[in-house]
Amino acid sequence: MQPTSATPRDARTSATPDTSSNAPDTAARVSLRRRAGYALAVVSMAASLSMLVAACSMPKHADTEAPPPDPFNPAATQLLDNTDWQLSSWKLASGSTREVLGGASGEPITLVLSTETGLRRASGFSGCNRYTGTYMLKDGKLSFGPLAGTRMACATPGGNIEGAYLAALAHVERSAVDMRKPQQLQLILDNGDTLVFARRGQ
């Protein structure tokens, strides 16, 4: 019996490489690349979240840690328009203090600075009577024009201080403003006394 020779079809079949055995390896490599991509995305997202959390948790300085503003800054004086103040203390040039008392009903000595009429008007209670007049804000200083008031006589501690208080408003040499709470206004007189006012209605 003669050996059977391969037909041309059989030769082509045997010459064609068998790629079916490589399919699992290719699928494995594709799956590995996908898993690596997912892992890289997860790591990148975790790093971004860590940076975001760190930024949110950065310590912030409280206002109380900031250096106090200069109360004699001329710009601060411009904030006095439309404010309401109450005399809280009177420091004498000698270092002692003067007793500050209000009216018979306990009404405090007040200073109101308003631009409601289109002009700068000062008004308030001076211990016995009501007073009114003009005020100016210039070169970082609060000053007053002539002040007029009612003429009721009062035999009270407030009445005793009234004359000195109105005279003090006519002799302001410097003024200082601190708009941080508790807000405060200081009027330094030409004789060295200092009138300290506390902001009302805070």
N, C-alpha and C. Protein backbone atom coordinates (compact mmCIF):
# COMPACT_ATOMS: atom_id res chain seq x y z
N MET A 1 0.86 -1.18 0.00
CA MET A 1 0.00 0.00 0.00
C MET A 1 0.88 1.21 0.00
N GLN A 2 0.52 2.15 -0.89
CA GLN A 2 1.30 3.38 -0.98
C GLN A 2 0.84 4.40 0.03
N PRO A 3 1.81 5.17 0.61
CA PRO A 3 1.42 6.20 1.61
C PRO A 3 0.59 7.27 0.99
N THR A 4 -0.37 7.69 1.79
CA THR A 4 -1.30 8.73 1.30
C THR A 4 -0.63 10.07 1.38
N SER A 5 -0.67 10.82 0.30
CA SER A 5 -0.06 12.16 0.27
C SER A 5 -1.05 13.20 0.68
N ALA A 6 -0.54 14.23 1.27
CA ALA A 6 -1.43 15.31 1.75
C ALA A 6 -1.94 16.10 0.59
N THR A 7 -3.21 16.44 0.68
CA THR A 7 -3.83 17.25 -0.37
C THR A 7 -3.48 18.70 -0.14
N PRO A 8 -3.57 19.57 -1.14
CA PRO A 8 -3.31 21.00 -0.96
C PRO A 8 -4.14 21.60 0.15
N ARG A 9 -5.39 21.13 0.31
CA ARG A 9 -6.24 21.67 1.38
C ARG A 9 -5.68 21.33 2.72
N ASP A 10 -5.18 20.06 2.84
CA ASP A 10 -4.62 19.64 4.11
C ASP A 10 -3.37 20.43 4.43
N ALA A 11 -2.60 20.75 3.37
CA ALA A 11 -1.37 21.50 3.57
C ALA A 11 -1.66 22.89 4.09
N ARG A 12 -2.69 23.56 3.56
CA ARG A 12 -3.04 24.90 4.02
C ARG A 12 -3.53 24.86 5.44
N THR A 13 -4.29 23.79 5.76
CA THR A 13 -4.82 23.69 7.11
C THR A 13 -3.71 23.52 8.11
N SER A 14 -2.72 22.69 7.77
CA SER A 14 -1.62 22.46 8.69
C SER A 14 -0.70 23.65 8.79
N ALA A 15 -0.64 24.48 7.73
CA ALA A 15 0.26 25.65 7.75
C ALA A 15 -0.33 26.80 8.51
N THR A 16 -1.65 26.85 8.70
CA THR A 16 -2.30 27.96 9.41
C THR A 16 -2.06 27.82 10.90
N PRO A 17 -1.48 28.86 11.57
CA PRO A 17 -1.22 28.76 13.03
C PRO A 17 -2.50 28.65 13.80
N ASP A 18 -2.46 27.93 14.88
CA ASP A 18 -3.63 27.72 15.74
C ASP A 18 -3.66 28.82 16.79
N THR A 19 -4.54 29.82 16.59
CA THR A 19 -4.63 30.96 17.52
C THR A 19 -5.59 30.70 18.65
N SER A 20 -6.31 29.61 18.60
CA SER A 20 -7.29 29.36 19.66
C SER A 20 -6.62 29.15 20.99
N SER A 21 -5.37 28.64 20.97
CA SER A 21 -4.68 28.41 22.24
C SER A 21 -4.22 29.72 22.87
N ASN A 22 -4.07 30.84 22.05
CA ASN A 22 -3.62 32.14 22.58
C ASN A 22 -4.78 32.98 23.13
N ALA A 23 -6.01 32.62 22.87
CA ALA A 23 -7.17 33.43 23.29
C ALA A 23 -7.23 33.62 24.80
N PRO A 24 -7.04 32.60 25.61
CA PRO A 24 -7.08 32.82 27.07
C PRO A 24 -6.01 33.79 27.54
N ASP A 25 -4.78 33.70 26.94
CA ASP A 25 -3.72 34.62 27.35
C ASP A 25 -4.09 36.06 27.01
N THR A 26 -4.66 36.28 25.85
CA THR A 26 -5.04 37.64 25.44
C THR A 26 -6.12 38.19 26.36
N ALA A 27 -7.10 37.39 26.66
CA ALA A 27 -8.17 37.83 27.55
C ALA A 27 -7.63 38.14 28.95
N ALA A 28 -6.65 37.36 29.37
CA ALA A 28 -6.07 37.59 30.69
C ALA A 28 -5.33 38.92 30.73
N ARG A 29 -4.57 39.19 29.63
CA ARG A 29 -3.83 40.44 29.59
C ARG A 29 -4.79 41.63 29.58
N VAL A 30 -5.88 41.55 28.80
CA VAL A 30 -6.87 42.63 28.76
C VAL A 30 -7.49 42.84 30.13
N SER A 31 -7.83 41.74 30.80
CA SER A 31 -8.42 41.85 32.14
C SER A 31 -7.44 42.46 33.12
N LEU A 32 -6.15 42.09 33.00
CA LEU A 32 -5.13 42.64 33.89
C LEU A 32 -4.97 44.14 33.69
N ARG A 33 -4.96 44.56 32.42
CA ARG A 33 -4.84 45.99 32.15
C ARG A 33 -6.03 46.75 32.69
N ARG A 34 -7.22 46.18 32.56
CA ARG A 34 -8.42 46.84 33.08
C ARG A 34 -8.34 46.99 34.60
N ARG A 35 -7.91 45.90 35.29
CA ARG A 35 -7.81 45.97 36.74
C ARG A 35 -6.77 46.99 37.18
N ALA A 36 -5.68 47.07 36.43
CA ALA A 36 -4.64 48.05 36.74
C ALA A 36 -5.17 49.47 36.56
N GLY A 37 -5.97 49.66 35.50
CA GLY A 37 -6.55 50.99 35.28
C GLY A 37 -7.51 51.37 36.39
N TYR A 38 -8.34 50.43 36.81
CA TYR A 38 -9.26 50.70 37.90
C TYR A 38 -8.50 51.03 39.19
N ALA A 39 -7.47 50.27 39.48
CA ALA A 39 -6.69 50.51 40.69
C ALA A 39 -6.04 51.88 40.67
N LEU A 40 -5.52 52.28 39.50
CA LEU A 40 -4.90 53.61 39.38
C LEU A 40 -5.94 54.71 39.60
N ALA A 41 -7.15 54.53 39.07
CA ALA A 41 -8.21 55.52 39.26
C ALA A 41 -8.60 55.63 40.72
N VAL A 42 -8.66 54.48 41.41
CA VAL A 42 -9.03 54.49 42.83
C VAL A 42 -7.96 55.20 43.65
N VAL A 43 -6.68 54.92 43.35
CA VAL A 43 -5.59 55.56 44.08
C VAL A 43 -5.60 57.06 43.84
N SER A 44 -5.85 57.49 42.59
CA SER A 44 -5.89 58.91 42.28
C SER A 44 -7.05 59.60 43.01
N MET A 45 -8.21 58.94 43.04
CA MET A 45 -9.36 59.51 43.74
C MET A 45 -9.10 59.61 45.24
N ALA A 46 -8.46 58.60 45.82
CA ALA A 46 -8.16 58.63 47.24
C ALA A 46 -7.18 59.75 47.56
N ALA A 47 -6.19 59.96 46.68
CA ALA A 47 -5.24 61.04 46.91
C ALA A 47 -5.93 62.39 46.84
N SER A 48 -6.85 62.56 45.90
CA SER A 48 -7.58 63.83 45.79
C SER A 48 -8.43 64.09 47.02
N LEU A 49 -9.09 63.03 47.52
CA LEU A 49 -9.91 63.18 48.72
C LEU A 49 -9.05 63.53 49.93
N SER A 50 -7.87 62.92 50.02
CA SER A 50 -6.97 63.23 51.14
C SER A 50 -6.54 64.68 51.12
N MET A 51 -6.22 65.21 49.93
CA MET A 51 -5.82 66.60 49.80
C MET A 51 -6.97 67.52 50.17
N LEU A 52 -8.20 67.16 49.75
CA LEU A 52 -9.36 67.98 50.06
C LEU A 52 -9.63 68.02 51.55
N VAL A 53 -9.54 66.85 52.21
CA VAL A 53 -9.76 66.79 53.65
C VAL A 53 -8.70 67.59 54.38
N ALA A 54 -7.44 67.48 53.92
CA ALA A 54 -6.36 68.24 54.57
C ALA A 54 -6.57 69.72 54.43
N ALA A 55 -7.05 70.17 53.25
CA ALA A 55 -7.29 71.60 53.05
C ALA A 55 -8.42 72.10 53.93
N CYS A 56 -9.45 71.26 54.10
CA CYS A 56 -10.59 71.69 54.92
C CYS A 56 -10.23 71.73 56.40
N SER A 57 -9.27 70.90 56.80
CA SER A 57 -8.93 70.83 58.22
C SER A 57 -7.75 71.71 58.59
N MET A 58 -7.31 72.56 57.65
CA MET A 58 -6.21 73.46 57.97
C MET A 58 -6.63 74.41 59.06
N PRO A 59 -5.78 74.67 60.04
CA PRO A 59 -6.16 75.58 61.15
C PRO A 59 -6.37 76.98 60.64
N LYS A 60 -7.37 77.63 61.19
CA LYS A 60 -7.70 79.00 60.83
C LYS A 60 -7.49 79.88 62.06
N HIS A 61 -6.89 81.02 61.85
CA HIS A 61 -6.64 81.93 62.95
C HIS A 61 -7.91 82.68 63.33
N ALA A 62 -8.23 82.67 64.57
CA ALA A 62 -9.41 83.41 65.05
C ALA A 62 -9.12 84.90 65.02
N ASP A 63 -10.21 85.67 64.92
CA ASP A 63 -10.04 87.12 64.90
C ASP A 63 -9.33 87.62 66.14
N THR A 64 -9.51 86.89 67.25
CA THR A 64 -8.89 87.33 68.49
C THR A 64 -7.38 87.21 68.46
N GLU A 65 -6.86 86.38 67.52
CA GLU A 65 -5.43 86.21 67.41
C GLU A 65 -4.80 87.27 66.52
N ALA A 66 -5.63 87.97 65.74
CA ALA A 66 -5.11 89.00 64.86
C ALA A 66 -4.71 90.22 65.69
N PRO A 67 -3.69 90.93 65.24
CA PRO A 67 -3.29 92.13 65.99
C PRO A 67 -4.42 93.15 65.99
N PRO A 68 -4.66 93.82 67.10
CA PRO A 68 -5.75 94.80 67.16
C PRO A 68 -5.49 95.96 66.21
N PRO A 69 -6.54 96.49 65.59
CA PRO A 69 -6.36 97.63 64.70
C PRO A 69 -5.98 98.88 65.48
N ASP A 70 -5.36 99.81 64.80
CA ASP A 70 -4.98 101.07 65.42
C ASP A 70 -6.22 101.94 65.59
N PRO A 71 -6.66 102.21 66.83
CA PRO A 71 -7.88 103.00 67.02
C PRO A 71 -7.72 104.45 66.55
N PHE A 72 -6.49 104.90 66.40
CA PHE A 72 -6.25 106.28 65.96
C PHE A 72 -6.08 106.38 64.45
N ASN A 73 -6.34 105.26 63.76
CA ASN A 73 -6.29 105.28 62.31
C ASN A 73 -7.36 106.24 61.79
N PRO A 74 -6.99 107.23 60.98
CA PRO A 74 -8.00 108.20 60.49
C PRO A 74 -9.17 107.54 59.77
N ALA A 75 -8.91 106.40 59.12
CA ALA A 75 -9.99 105.74 58.39
C ALA A 75 -11.08 105.24 59.33
N ALA A 76 -10.70 104.87 60.57
CA ALA A 76 -11.68 104.35 61.51
C ALA A 76 -12.68 105.43 61.91
N THR A 77 -12.24 106.67 61.95
CA THR A 77 -13.13 107.75 62.36
C THR A 77 -14.29 107.91 61.37
N GLN A 78 -14.06 107.58 60.11
CA GLN A 78 -15.11 107.73 59.11
C GLN A 78 -16.27 106.75 59.32
N LEU A 79 -16.09 105.79 60.21
CA LEU A 79 -17.15 104.81 60.51
C LEU A 79 -18.13 105.32 61.56
N LEU A 80 -17.93 106.54 62.05
CA LEU A 80 -18.75 107.04 63.15
C LEU A 80 -20.12 107.56 62.70
N ASP A 81 -20.28 107.83 61.44
CA ASP A 81 -21.60 108.30 60.98
C ASP A 81 -22.67 107.28 61.34
N ASN A 82 -23.80 107.80 61.84
CA ASN A 82 -24.97 106.97 62.16
C ASN A 82 -24.65 105.89 63.21
N THR A 83 -24.03 106.34 64.28
CA THR A 83 -23.76 105.45 65.42
C THR A 83 -24.30 106.08 66.70
N ASP A 84 -24.49 105.24 67.70
CA ASP A 84 -25.11 105.65 68.96
C ASP A 84 -24.23 105.17 70.10
N TRP A 85 -23.86 106.08 71.02
CA TRP A 85 -22.89 105.76 72.05
C TRP A 85 -23.40 106.16 73.44
N GLN A 86 -22.83 105.52 74.44
CA GLN A 86 -23.15 105.80 75.84
C GLN A 86 -21.85 106.02 76.61
N LEU A 87 -21.78 107.12 77.36
CA LEU A 87 -20.59 107.40 78.16
C LEU A 87 -20.44 106.33 79.25
N SER A 88 -19.31 105.62 79.21
CA SER A 88 -19.12 104.53 80.17
C SER A 88 -18.07 104.85 81.23
N SER A 89 -17.11 105.71 80.91
CA SER A 89 -16.10 106.08 81.92
C SER A 89 -15.46 107.41 81.54
N TRP A 90 -14.89 108.05 82.56
CA TRP A 90 -14.21 109.33 82.38
C TRP A 90 -12.88 109.23 83.12
N LYS A 91 -11.81 109.15 82.36
CA LYS A 91 -10.49 109.02 82.94
C LYS A 91 -9.83 110.39 83.00
N LEU A 92 -9.44 110.80 84.18
CA LEU A 92 -8.79 112.09 84.36
C LEU A 92 -7.31 112.00 83.99
N ALA A 93 -6.74 113.13 83.64
CA ALA A 93 -5.33 113.18 83.26
C ALA A 93 -4.44 112.72 84.40
N SER A 94 -4.89 112.86 85.63
CA SER A 94 -4.10 112.46 86.80
C SER A 94 -4.03 110.95 86.97
N GLY A 95 -4.87 110.22 86.23
CA GLY A 95 -4.91 108.77 86.35
C GLY A 95 -6.11 108.26 87.11
N SER A 96 -6.78 109.10 87.83
CA SER A 96 -7.99 108.70 88.56
C SER A 96 -9.18 108.76 87.61
N THR A 97 -10.33 108.37 88.12
CA THR A 97 -11.54 108.38 87.29
C THR A 97 -12.60 109.29 87.89
N ARG A 98 -13.43 109.79 87.01
CA ARG A 98 -14.55 110.62 87.44
C ARG A 98 -15.82 109.78 87.39
N GLU A 99 -16.62 109.90 88.42
CA GLU A 99 -17.86 109.11 88.47
C GLU A 99 -18.81 109.58 87.37
N VAL A 100 -19.32 108.61 86.62
CA VAL A 100 -20.24 108.91 85.53
C VAL A 100 -21.64 108.45 85.94
N LEU A 101 -22.52 109.41 86.15
CA LEU A 101 -23.89 109.10 86.53
C LEU A 101 -24.85 109.75 85.55
N GLY A 102 -25.98 109.12 85.35
CA GLY A 102 -26.97 109.63 84.41
C GLY A 102 -28.06 110.41 85.11
N GLY A 103 -29.22 110.41 84.47
CA GLY A 103 -30.35 111.15 85.00
C GLY A 103 -30.98 110.48 86.20
N ALA A 104 -32.00 111.16 86.73
CA ALA A 104 -32.68 110.66 87.93
C ALA A 104 -33.33 109.31 87.69
N SER A 105 -33.77 109.07 86.47
CA SER A 105 -34.42 107.80 86.15
C SER A 105 -33.42 106.73 85.72
N GLY A 106 -32.15 107.05 85.81
CA GLY A 106 -31.13 106.08 85.42
C GLY A 106 -30.73 106.17 83.97
N GLU A 107 -31.24 107.16 83.24
CA GLU A 107 -30.89 107.30 81.83
C GLU A 107 -29.42 107.68 81.69
N PRO A 108 -28.68 106.97 80.85
CA PRO A 108 -27.24 107.25 80.73
C PRO A 108 -26.98 108.50 79.88
N ILE A 109 -25.77 109.01 79.99
CA ILE A 109 -25.33 110.11 79.13
C ILE A 109 -25.01 109.52 77.76
N THR A 110 -25.58 110.10 76.72
CA THR A 110 -25.49 109.50 75.40
C THR A 110 -24.96 110.49 74.36
N LEU A 111 -24.51 109.92 73.26
CA LEU A 111 -24.03 110.69 72.11
C LEU A 111 -24.49 109.97 70.85
N VAL A 112 -25.32 110.63 70.07
CA VAL A 112 -25.83 110.07 68.82
C VAL A 112 -25.27 110.89 67.66
N LEU A 113 -24.67 110.20 66.70
CA LEU A 113 -24.10 110.84 65.52
C LEU A 113 -24.90 110.37 64.31
N SER A 114 -25.60 111.30 63.67
CA SER A 114 -26.54 110.93 62.61
C SER A 114 -26.37 111.81 61.38
N THR A 115 -26.61 111.20 60.22
CA THR A 115 -26.63 111.94 58.94
C THR A 115 -28.01 111.85 58.30
N GLU A 116 -29.01 111.55 59.10
CA GLU A 116 -30.36 111.31 58.58
C GLU A 116 -30.91 112.53 57.84
N THR A 117 -30.58 113.72 58.28
CA THR A 117 -31.11 114.94 57.65
C THR A 117 -30.27 115.39 56.46
N GLY A 118 -29.21 114.65 56.16
CA GLY A 118 -28.30 115.07 55.11
C GLY A 118 -27.12 115.87 55.65
N LEU A 119 -27.18 116.23 56.92
CA LEU A 119 -26.10 116.93 57.60
C LEU A 119 -25.64 116.09 58.79
N ARG A 120 -24.43 116.30 59.22
CA ARG A 120 -23.94 115.59 60.39
C ARG A 120 -24.43 116.28 61.65
N ARG A 121 -25.34 115.59 62.36
CA ARG A 121 -25.93 116.16 63.58
C ARG A 121 -25.59 115.28 64.77
N ALA A 122 -25.17 115.95 65.85
CA ALA A 122 -24.91 115.27 67.12
C ALA A 122 -26.04 115.60 68.09
N SER A 123 -26.42 114.61 68.87
CA SER A 123 -27.48 114.83 69.86
C SER A 123 -27.33 113.80 70.96
N GLY A 124 -28.12 114.00 72.02
CA GLY A 124 -28.08 113.03 73.10
C GLY A 124 -28.60 113.60 74.40
N PHE A 125 -28.33 112.87 75.46
CA PHE A 125 -28.74 113.26 76.80
C PHE A 125 -27.46 113.56 77.58
N SER A 126 -27.40 114.72 78.22
CA SER A 126 -26.17 115.16 78.89
C SER A 126 -26.21 115.03 80.41
N GLY A 127 -27.18 114.29 80.94
CA GLY A 127 -27.27 114.08 82.38
C GLY A 127 -28.48 114.73 83.00
N CYS A 128 -28.97 115.79 82.35
CA CYS A 128 -30.17 116.48 82.83
C CYS A 128 -31.03 116.93 81.66
N ASN A 129 -30.39 117.44 80.62
CA ASN A 129 -31.10 117.99 79.46
C ASN A 129 -30.70 117.26 78.17
N ARG A 130 -31.49 117.54 77.15
CA ARG A 130 -31.18 117.07 75.80
C ARG A 130 -30.34 118.13 75.09
N TYR A 131 -29.43 117.68 74.27
CA TYR A 131 -28.60 118.63 73.53
C TYR A 131 -28.55 118.23 72.06
N THR A 132 -28.20 119.18 71.22
CA THR A 132 -28.08 118.93 69.79
C THR A 132 -27.11 119.93 69.19
N GLY A 133 -26.55 119.58 68.06
CA GLY A 133 -25.59 120.45 67.37
C GLY A 133 -25.00 119.72 66.18
N THR A 134 -23.88 120.18 65.70
CA THR A 134 -23.23 119.57 64.54
C THR A 134 -21.94 118.88 64.98
N TYR A 135 -21.50 117.97 64.13
CA TYR A 135 -20.19 117.34 64.37
C TYR A 135 -19.44 117.24 63.05
N MET A 136 -18.12 117.11 63.13
CA MET A 136 -17.27 117.01 61.96
C MET A 136 -16.34 115.80 62.09
N LEU A 137 -16.03 115.20 60.97
CA LEU A 137 -15.04 114.13 60.89
C LEU A 137 -13.98 114.59 59.90
N LYS A 138 -12.84 114.98 60.43
CA LYS A 138 -11.79 115.53 59.58
C LYS A 138 -10.42 115.16 60.13
N ASP A 139 -9.55 114.69 59.21
CA ASP A 139 -8.18 114.33 59.58
C ASP A 139 -8.14 113.32 60.73
N GLY A 140 -9.07 112.38 60.71
CA GLY A 140 -9.09 111.34 61.73
C GLY A 140 -9.56 111.80 63.08
N LYS A 141 -10.28 112.91 63.14
CA LYS A 141 -10.71 113.46 64.43
C LYS A 141 -12.20 113.76 64.40
N LEU A 142 -12.86 113.44 65.51
CA LEU A 142 -14.26 113.82 65.71
C LEU A 142 -14.29 115.11 66.52
N SER A 143 -14.96 116.10 66.00
CA SER A 143 -15.09 117.38 66.72
C SER A 143 -16.52 117.86 66.61
N PHE A 144 -16.88 118.84 67.44
CA PHE A 144 -18.26 119.30 67.52
C PHE A 144 -18.33 120.81 67.33
N GLY A 145 -19.44 121.23 66.71
CA GLY A 145 -19.74 122.64 66.62
C GLY A 145 -20.48 123.07 67.88
N PRO A 146 -21.02 124.28 67.89
CA PRO A 146 -21.78 124.74 69.06
C PRO A 146 -22.95 123.81 69.35
N LEU A 147 -23.13 123.50 70.62
CA LEU A 147 -24.21 122.60 71.05
C LEU A 147 -25.25 123.39 71.83
N ALA A 148 -26.50 123.14 71.53
CA ALA A 148 -27.61 123.79 72.23
C ALA A 148 -28.43 122.73 72.95
N GLY A 149 -29.11 123.13 74.01
CA GLY A 149 -29.92 122.16 74.74
C GLY A 149 -31.02 122.82 75.53
N THR A 150 -31.82 121.98 76.12
CA THR A 150 -32.88 122.49 77.00
C THR A 150 -32.23 123.04 78.27
N ARG A 151 -33.00 123.78 79.05
CA ARG A 151 -32.43 124.48 80.22
C ARG A 151 -33.10 124.07 81.53
N MET A 152 -33.46 122.83 81.61
CA MET A 152 -34.08 122.36 82.85
C MET A 152 -33.00 122.18 83.93
N ALA A 153 -33.30 122.62 85.15
CA ALA A 153 -32.36 122.47 86.26
C ALA A 153 -32.58 121.12 86.93
N CYS A 154 -31.49 120.45 87.28
CA CYS A 154 -31.59 119.13 87.90
C CYS A 154 -30.66 119.05 89.10
N ALA A 155 -31.23 118.75 90.25
CA ALA A 155 -30.43 118.56 91.46
C ALA A 155 -30.09 117.08 91.59
N THR A 156 -29.43 116.55 90.58
CA THR A 156 -29.07 115.13 90.54
C THR A 156 -27.60 114.99 90.17
N PRO A 157 -27.01 113.82 90.44
CA PRO A 157 -25.61 113.62 90.03
C PRO A 157 -25.41 113.86 88.54
N GLY A 158 -26.40 113.48 87.73
CA GLY A 158 -26.30 113.72 86.29
C GLY A 158 -26.28 115.20 85.97
N GLY A 159 -27.05 115.96 86.72
CA GLY A 159 -27.05 117.40 86.51
C GLY A 159 -25.72 118.04 86.89
N ASN A 160 -25.04 117.45 87.87
CA ASN A 160 -23.76 117.99 88.29
C ASN A 160 -22.65 117.78 87.26
N ILE A 161 -22.78 116.72 86.47
CA ILE A 161 -21.74 116.43 85.48
C ILE A 161 -22.06 117.03 84.11
N GLU A 162 -23.27 117.47 83.93
CA GLU A 162 -23.72 117.92 82.62
C GLU A 162 -22.84 119.04 82.06
N GLY A 163 -22.57 120.07 82.84
CA GLY A 163 -21.79 121.19 82.36
C GLY A 163 -20.39 120.77 81.93
N ALA A 164 -19.77 119.90 82.75
CA ALA A 164 -18.42 119.42 82.41
C ALA A 164 -18.44 118.58 81.14
N TYR A 165 -19.49 117.78 80.96
CA TYR A 165 -19.60 116.92 79.77
C TYR A 165 -19.73 117.76 78.50
N LEU A 166 -20.62 118.75 78.51
CA LEU A 166 -20.80 119.59 77.33
C LEU A 166 -19.53 120.40 77.04
N ALA A 167 -18.85 120.84 78.07
CA ALA A 167 -17.60 121.56 77.87
C ALA A 167 -16.53 120.64 77.28
N ALA A 168 -16.55 119.38 77.69
CA ALA A 168 -15.57 118.41 77.17
C ALA A 168 -15.74 118.21 75.67
N LEU A 169 -16.99 118.18 75.20
CA LEU A 169 -17.22 117.98 73.76
C LEU A 169 -16.67 119.14 72.93
N ALA A 170 -16.48 120.28 73.55
CA ALA A 170 -15.93 121.44 72.83
C ALA A 170 -14.41 121.47 72.87
N HIS A 171 -13.79 120.53 73.57
CA HIS A 171 -12.33 120.55 73.72
C HIS A 171 -11.70 119.21 73.37
N VAL A 172 -12.22 118.56 72.32
CA VAL A 172 -11.67 117.28 71.87
C VAL A 172 -10.40 117.53 71.07
N GLU A 173 -9.32 116.93 71.51
CA GLU A 173 -8.04 117.07 70.80
C GLU A 173 -7.78 115.91 69.86
N ARG A 174 -8.15 114.70 70.30
CA ARG A 174 -8.00 113.50 69.48
C ARG A 174 -9.18 112.57 69.73
N SER A 175 -9.42 111.69 68.77
CA SER A 175 -10.46 110.69 68.95
C SER A 175 -9.94 109.34 68.47
N ALA A 176 -10.44 108.30 69.08
CA ALA A 176 -10.03 106.94 68.73
C ALA A 176 -11.27 106.07 68.64
N VAL A 177 -11.27 105.18 67.66
CA VAL A 177 -12.43 104.32 67.42
C VAL A 177 -11.96 102.88 67.27
N ASP A 178 -12.60 101.98 67.99
CA ASP A 178 -12.36 100.55 67.85
C ASP A 178 -13.70 99.89 67.53
N MET A 179 -13.86 99.45 66.28
CA MET A 179 -15.13 98.87 65.86
C MET A 179 -15.22 97.37 66.10
N ARG A 180 -14.19 96.79 66.72
CA ARG A 180 -14.31 95.39 67.12
C ARG A 180 -15.10 95.30 68.42
N LYS A 181 -15.89 94.25 68.57
CA LYS A 181 -16.69 94.12 69.78
C LYS A 181 -15.80 93.88 70.98
N PRO A 182 -16.09 94.53 72.12
CA PRO A 182 -17.12 95.56 72.30
C PRO A 182 -16.65 96.89 71.73
N GLN A 183 -17.44 97.46 70.82
CA GLN A 183 -17.04 98.68 70.13
C GLN A 183 -16.91 99.84 71.10
N GLN A 184 -15.90 100.66 70.84
CA GLN A 184 -15.57 101.71 71.80
C GLN A 184 -15.12 102.98 71.08
N LEU A 185 -15.51 104.11 71.63
CA LEU A 185 -15.10 105.43 71.14
C LEU A 185 -14.41 106.17 72.29
N GLN A 186 -13.26 106.75 71.99
CA GLN A 186 -12.53 107.53 72.99
C GLN A 186 -12.38 108.97 72.50
N LEU A 187 -12.67 109.90 73.37
CA LEU A 187 -12.44 111.31 73.10
C LEU A 187 -11.38 111.80 74.07
N ILE A 188 -10.21 112.16 73.53
CA ILE A 188 -9.11 112.65 74.35
C ILE A 188 -9.15 114.18 74.33
N LEU A 189 -9.27 114.78 75.50
CA LEU A 189 -9.43 116.23 75.60
C LEU A 189 -8.07 116.92 75.63
N ASP A 190 -8.10 118.23 75.42
CA ASP A 190 -6.84 118.98 75.41
C ASP A 190 -6.23 119.10 76.81
N ASN A 191 -6.98 118.75 77.86
CA ASN A 191 -6.42 118.78 79.22
C ASN A 191 -5.92 117.40 79.66
N GLY A 192 -5.99 116.41 78.75
CA GLY A 192 -5.49 115.07 79.06
C GLY A 192 -6.55 114.09 79.52
N ASP A 193 -7.76 114.55 79.79
CA ASP A 193 -8.84 113.64 80.18
C ASP A 193 -9.26 112.79 78.98
N THR A 194 -9.83 111.62 79.27
CA THR A 194 -10.33 110.73 78.21
C THR A 194 -11.74 110.29 78.54
N LEU A 195 -12.66 110.58 77.63
CA LEU A 195 -14.04 110.11 77.76
C LEU A 195 -14.18 108.85 76.92
N VAL A 196 -14.65 107.79 77.56
CA VAL A 196 -14.79 106.49 76.88
C VAL A 196 -16.28 106.19 76.72
N PHE A 197 -16.67 105.91 75.48
CA PHE A 197 -18.07 105.60 75.16
C PHE A 197 -18.16 104.14 74.68
N ALA A 198 -19.25 103.50 75.05
CA ALA A 198 -19.54 102.15 74.56
C ALA A 198 -20.65 102.23 73.52
N ARG A 199 -20.55 101.41 72.50
CA ARG A 199 -21.55 101.42 71.43
C ARG A 199 -22.88 100.87 71.95
N ARG A 200 -23.94 101.56 71.61
CA ARG A 200 -25.28 101.12 72.01
C ARG A 200 -25.92 100.34 70.84
N GLY A 201 -26.79 99.40 71.18
CA GLY A 201 -27.54 98.68 70.17
C GLY A 201 -26.72 97.70 69.37
N GLN A 202 -25.65 97.14 69.96
CA GLN A 202 -24.83 96.16 69.24
C GLN A 202 -25.56 94.83 69.14
